[in-house]
Amino acid sequence: MKIIITESQYNRIWLLRRYKLVRDSFDTIFMYIKNPCKFDSFEHYERTFVDLMLDELHPEYYLIDNFDYEGMISELKDMFYVELTELYWGRKC
């Protein structure tokens, strides 16, 4: 029996296999994004989070040929959407 895995499923599996690393990276990045008042919009806030997260995870994926950056960005946004929206919209500026 062969199981076919799509690219988006592969990205999700890649992140879930390294969930402790991903969670620790989020906690590290939180120091930089914990003040959402510095950002003009939620899109800018979310993009900063994704950029910092990819930089933090870079040592894990930089040798993988054909690494799907866009897919990983999409998966990170999906995984942390609730936490990011709560942080951004729950702000007190």
N, C-alpha and C. Protein backbone atom coordinates (compact mmCIF):
# COMPACT_ATOMS: atom_id res chain seq x y z
N MET A 1 0.84 -1.17 0.00
CA MET A 1 0.00 0.00 0.00
C MET A 1 0.89 1.24 0.00
N LYS A 2 0.63 2.14 -0.90
CA LYS A 2 1.37 3.39 -0.96
C LYS A 2 0.49 4.51 -0.43
N ILE A 3 1.12 5.37 0.32
CA ILE A 3 0.43 6.53 0.86
C ILE A 3 1.00 7.76 0.17
N ILE A 4 0.14 8.56 -0.39
CA ILE A 4 0.57 9.76 -1.08
C ILE A 4 0.38 10.94 -0.13
N ILE A 5 1.45 11.68 0.07
CA ILE A 5 1.42 12.83 0.96
C ILE A 5 1.60 14.08 0.11
N THR A 6 0.69 15.03 0.27
CA THR A 6 0.79 16.28 -0.47
C THR A 6 1.87 17.16 0.16
N GLU A 7 2.27 18.22 -0.54
CA GLU A 7 3.29 19.11 -0.02
C GLU A 7 2.84 19.79 1.26
N SER A 8 1.59 20.20 1.33
CA SER A 8 1.11 20.86 2.55
C SER A 8 1.10 19.90 3.73
N GLN A 9 0.76 18.64 3.48
CA GLN A 9 0.81 17.65 4.55
C GLN A 9 2.25 17.41 4.98
N TYR A 10 3.17 17.40 4.02
CA TYR A 10 4.58 17.21 4.35
C TYR A 10 5.08 18.36 5.22
N ASN A 11 4.69 19.58 4.89
CA ASN A 11 5.10 20.74 5.68
C ASN A 11 4.57 20.63 7.10
N ARG A 12 3.31 20.23 7.23
CA ARG A 12 2.72 20.09 8.57
C ARG A 12 3.44 18.99 9.35
N ILE A 13 3.73 17.87 8.70
CA ILE A 13 4.43 16.76 9.36
C ILE A 13 5.83 17.21 9.78
N TRP A 14 6.51 17.96 8.91
CA TRP A 14 7.85 18.44 9.21
C TRP A 14 7.83 19.28 10.49
N LEU A 15 6.84 20.17 10.59
CA LEU A 15 6.73 21.02 11.78
C LEU A 15 6.33 20.21 13.02
N LEU A 16 5.41 19.29 12.86
CA LEU A 16 4.94 18.52 14.02
C LEU A 16 6.02 17.59 14.56
N ARG A 17 6.85 17.06 13.69
CA ARG A 17 7.95 16.22 14.16
C ARG A 17 8.95 17.02 14.99
N ARG A 18 9.02 18.30 14.74
CA ARG A 18 9.93 19.18 15.46
C ARG A 18 9.15 20.15 16.35
N TYR A 19 8.04 19.71 16.90
CA TYR A 19 7.15 20.63 17.60
C TYR A 19 7.82 21.29 18.80
N LYS A 20 8.60 20.55 19.55
CA LYS A 20 9.29 21.16 20.70
C LYS A 20 10.20 22.29 20.23
N LEU A 21 10.93 22.06 19.17
CA LEU A 21 11.80 23.10 18.61
C LEU A 21 10.97 24.29 18.13
N VAL A 22 9.86 24.02 17.45
CA VAL A 22 8.99 25.08 16.94
C VAL A 22 8.40 25.88 18.10
N ARG A 23 7.97 25.19 19.14
CA ARG A 23 7.38 25.86 20.31
C ARG A 23 8.42 26.70 21.04
N ASP A 24 9.62 26.16 21.20
CA ASP A 24 10.71 26.92 21.83
C ASP A 24 11.07 28.15 21.00
N SER A 25 11.04 27.99 19.69
CA SER A 25 11.31 29.12 18.79
C SER A 25 10.24 30.19 18.95
N PHE A 26 8.99 29.77 19.07
CA PHE A 26 7.90 30.73 19.27
C PHE A 26 8.11 31.50 20.57
N ASP A 27 8.50 30.79 21.62
CA ASP A 27 8.73 31.46 22.91
C ASP A 27 9.87 32.46 22.82
N THR A 28 10.90 32.13 22.05
CA THR A 28 12.02 33.05 21.85
C THR A 28 11.58 34.28 21.06
N ILE A 29 10.82 34.06 20.02
CA ILE A 29 10.36 35.14 19.16
C ILE A 29 9.36 36.04 19.89
N PHE A 30 8.66 35.49 20.86
CA PHE A 30 7.66 36.26 21.60
C PHE A 30 8.29 37.52 22.22
N MET A 31 9.57 37.45 22.58
CA MET A 31 10.24 38.63 23.14
C MET A 31 10.22 39.80 22.17
N TYR A 32 10.28 39.50 20.86
CA TYR A 32 10.33 40.54 19.85
C TYR A 32 8.94 41.03 19.40
N ILE A 33 7.94 40.19 19.57
CA ILE A 33 6.61 40.56 19.08
C ILE A 33 5.61 40.77 20.20
N LYS A 34 6.06 40.76 21.45
CA LYS A 34 5.10 40.84 22.55
C LYS A 34 4.44 42.21 22.66
N ASN A 35 5.03 43.22 22.04
CA ASN A 35 4.41 44.55 22.03
C ASN A 35 3.84 44.83 20.64
N PRO A 36 2.59 44.47 20.41
CA PRO A 36 2.01 44.65 19.07
C PRO A 36 1.75 46.11 18.71
N CYS A 37 1.92 47.02 19.67
CA CYS A 37 1.69 48.44 19.38
C CYS A 37 2.75 48.99 18.42
N LYS A 38 3.86 48.31 18.29
CA LYS A 38 4.93 48.75 17.39
C LYS A 38 4.59 48.51 15.92
N PHE A 39 3.54 47.76 15.65
CA PHE A 39 3.22 47.35 14.29
C PHE A 39 2.00 48.11 13.77
N ASP A 40 2.04 48.47 12.50
CA ASP A 40 0.98 49.25 11.88
C ASP A 40 -0.30 48.46 11.67
N SER A 41 -0.15 47.18 11.32
CA SER A 41 -1.31 46.36 11.00
C SER A 41 -1.04 44.92 11.41
N PHE A 42 -2.11 44.14 11.41
CA PHE A 42 -1.97 42.73 11.76
C PHE A 42 -1.12 42.01 10.72
N GLU A 43 -1.24 42.38 9.45
CA GLU A 43 -0.46 41.75 8.40
C GLU A 43 1.04 41.96 8.62
N HIS A 44 1.41 43.18 9.02
CA HIS A 44 2.82 43.47 9.32
C HIS A 44 3.28 42.67 10.53
N TYR A 45 2.44 42.56 11.53
CA TYR A 45 2.74 41.80 12.74
C TYR A 45 2.93 40.32 12.41
N GLU A 46 2.02 39.77 11.62
CA GLU A 46 2.08 38.36 11.23
C GLU A 46 3.30 38.08 10.36
N ARG A 47 3.60 38.97 9.43
CA ARG A 47 4.75 38.77 8.54
C ARG A 47 6.06 38.83 9.33
N THR A 48 6.14 39.72 10.31
CA THR A 48 7.32 39.79 11.16
C THR A 48 7.50 38.50 11.93
N PHE A 49 6.39 37.97 12.45
CA PHE A 49 6.44 36.70 13.16
C PHE A 49 6.97 35.59 12.25
N VAL A 50 6.44 35.50 11.05
CA VAL A 50 6.85 34.43 10.12
C VAL A 50 8.32 34.58 9.75
N ASP A 51 8.77 35.79 9.48
CA ASP A 51 10.17 36.01 9.12
C ASP A 51 11.10 35.60 10.27
N LEU A 52 10.75 36.00 11.47
CA LEU A 52 11.57 35.64 12.63
C LEU A 52 11.55 34.13 12.88
N MET A 53 10.39 33.52 12.69
CA MET A 53 10.28 32.08 12.92
C MET A 53 11.11 31.30 11.90
N LEU A 54 11.06 31.70 10.64
CA LEU A 54 11.87 31.03 9.63
C LEU A 54 13.36 31.23 9.90
N ASP A 55 13.75 32.41 10.37
CA ASP A 55 15.15 32.63 10.74
C ASP A 55 15.56 31.74 11.89
N GLU A 56 14.68 31.57 12.84
CA GLU A 56 14.96 30.73 14.01
C GLU A 56 15.09 29.26 13.63
N LEU A 57 14.27 28.81 12.69
CA LEU A 57 14.29 27.40 12.27
C LEU A 57 15.30 27.12 11.17
N HIS A 58 15.96 28.14 10.67
CA HIS A 58 16.86 28.00 9.54
C HIS A 58 17.90 26.89 9.70
N PRO A 59 18.54 26.72 10.86
CA PRO A 59 19.53 25.64 10.99
C PRO A 59 18.96 24.24 10.75
N GLU A 60 17.65 24.08 10.86
CA GLU A 60 17.03 22.77 10.66
C GLU A 60 16.75 22.46 9.20
N TYR A 61 16.52 23.49 8.38
CA TYR A 61 16.08 23.20 7.01
C TYR A 61 17.00 23.71 5.91
N TYR A 62 18.09 24.37 6.26
CA TYR A 62 18.88 25.02 5.21
C TYR A 62 19.55 24.05 4.24
N LEU A 63 19.74 22.79 4.61
CA LEU A 63 20.36 21.84 3.70
C LEU A 63 19.36 20.99 2.91
N ILE A 64 18.08 21.24 3.10
CA ILE A 64 17.05 20.48 2.40
C ILE A 64 16.87 21.08 1.00
N ASP A 65 17.11 20.27 -0.01
CA ASP A 65 16.90 20.74 -1.39
C ASP A 65 15.41 20.94 -1.64
N ASN A 66 15.08 21.95 -2.40
CA ASN A 66 13.69 22.25 -2.80
C ASN A 66 12.77 22.43 -1.59
N PHE A 67 13.27 23.04 -0.54
CA PHE A 67 12.45 23.30 0.64
C PHE A 67 11.33 24.25 0.26
N ASP A 68 10.11 23.94 0.66
CA ASP A 68 8.92 24.70 0.29
C ASP A 68 8.70 25.85 1.28
N TYR A 69 9.32 27.01 1.00
CA TYR A 69 9.23 28.16 1.89
C TYR A 69 7.80 28.69 1.98
N GLU A 70 7.16 28.83 0.85
CA GLU A 70 5.79 29.36 0.84
C GLU A 70 4.83 28.44 1.60
N GLY A 71 5.01 27.16 1.42
CA GLY A 71 4.18 26.20 2.14
C GLY A 71 4.42 26.25 3.63
N MET A 72 5.68 26.43 4.01
CA MET A 72 6.01 26.51 5.43
C MET A 72 5.45 27.78 6.04
N ILE A 73 5.50 28.86 5.30
CA ILE A 73 4.91 30.12 5.78
C ILE A 73 3.42 29.93 6.03
N SER A 74 2.74 29.30 5.10
CA SER A 74 1.31 29.05 5.24
C SER A 74 1.02 28.17 6.47
N GLU A 75 1.81 27.15 6.67
CA GLU A 75 1.60 26.25 7.81
C GLU A 75 1.87 26.96 9.13
N LEU A 76 2.90 27.79 9.19
CA LEU A 76 3.19 28.53 10.42
C LEU A 76 2.05 29.50 10.75
N LYS A 77 1.53 30.16 9.71
CA LYS A 77 0.40 31.06 9.94
C LYS A 77 -0.80 30.29 10.46
N ASP A 78 -1.05 29.11 9.92
CA ASP A 78 -2.18 28.30 10.38
C ASP A 78 -1.97 27.80 11.81
N MET A 79 -0.76 27.37 12.12
CA MET A 79 -0.49 26.81 13.44
C MET A 79 -0.61 27.84 14.56
N PHE A 80 -0.20 29.08 14.29
CA PHE A 80 -0.14 30.09 15.34
C PHE A 80 -1.14 31.23 15.14
N TYR A 81 -2.12 31.02 14.27
CA TYR A 81 -3.09 32.08 13.96
C TYR A 81 -3.84 32.55 15.21
N VAL A 82 -4.32 31.62 15.99
CA VAL A 82 -5.12 31.98 17.17
C VAL A 82 -4.27 32.76 18.17
N GLU A 83 -3.08 32.28 18.45
CA GLU A 83 -2.22 32.97 19.41
C GLU A 83 -1.83 34.36 18.92
N LEU A 84 -1.53 34.48 17.63
CA LEU A 84 -1.15 35.78 17.09
C LEU A 84 -2.30 36.77 17.12
N THR A 85 -3.49 36.31 16.75
CA THR A 85 -4.63 37.23 16.76
C THR A 85 -4.98 37.65 18.19
N GLU A 86 -4.89 36.73 19.13
CA GLU A 86 -5.17 37.10 20.52
C GLU A 86 -4.14 38.09 21.05
N LEU A 87 -2.87 37.90 20.70
CA LEU A 87 -1.84 38.84 21.12
C LEU A 87 -2.04 40.21 20.49
N TYR A 88 -2.35 40.23 19.19
CA TYR A 88 -2.47 41.50 18.49
C TYR A 88 -3.74 42.26 18.89
N TRP A 89 -4.86 41.61 18.88
CA TRP A 89 -6.12 42.31 19.15
C TRP A 89 -6.40 42.48 20.64
N GLY A 90 -5.67 41.77 21.49
CA GLY A 90 -5.84 41.93 22.92
C GLY A 90 -4.89 42.98 23.50
N ARG A 91 -4.28 43.75 22.64
CA ARG A 91 -3.28 44.73 23.06
C ARG A 91 -3.91 45.90 23.78
N LYS A 92 -3.09 46.51 24.61
CA LYS A 92 -3.50 47.73 25.32
C LYS A 92 -2.45 48.78 25.06
N CYS A 93 -2.73 49.63 24.08
CA CYS A 93 -1.76 50.68 23.70
C CYS A 93 -2.16 52.01 24.29
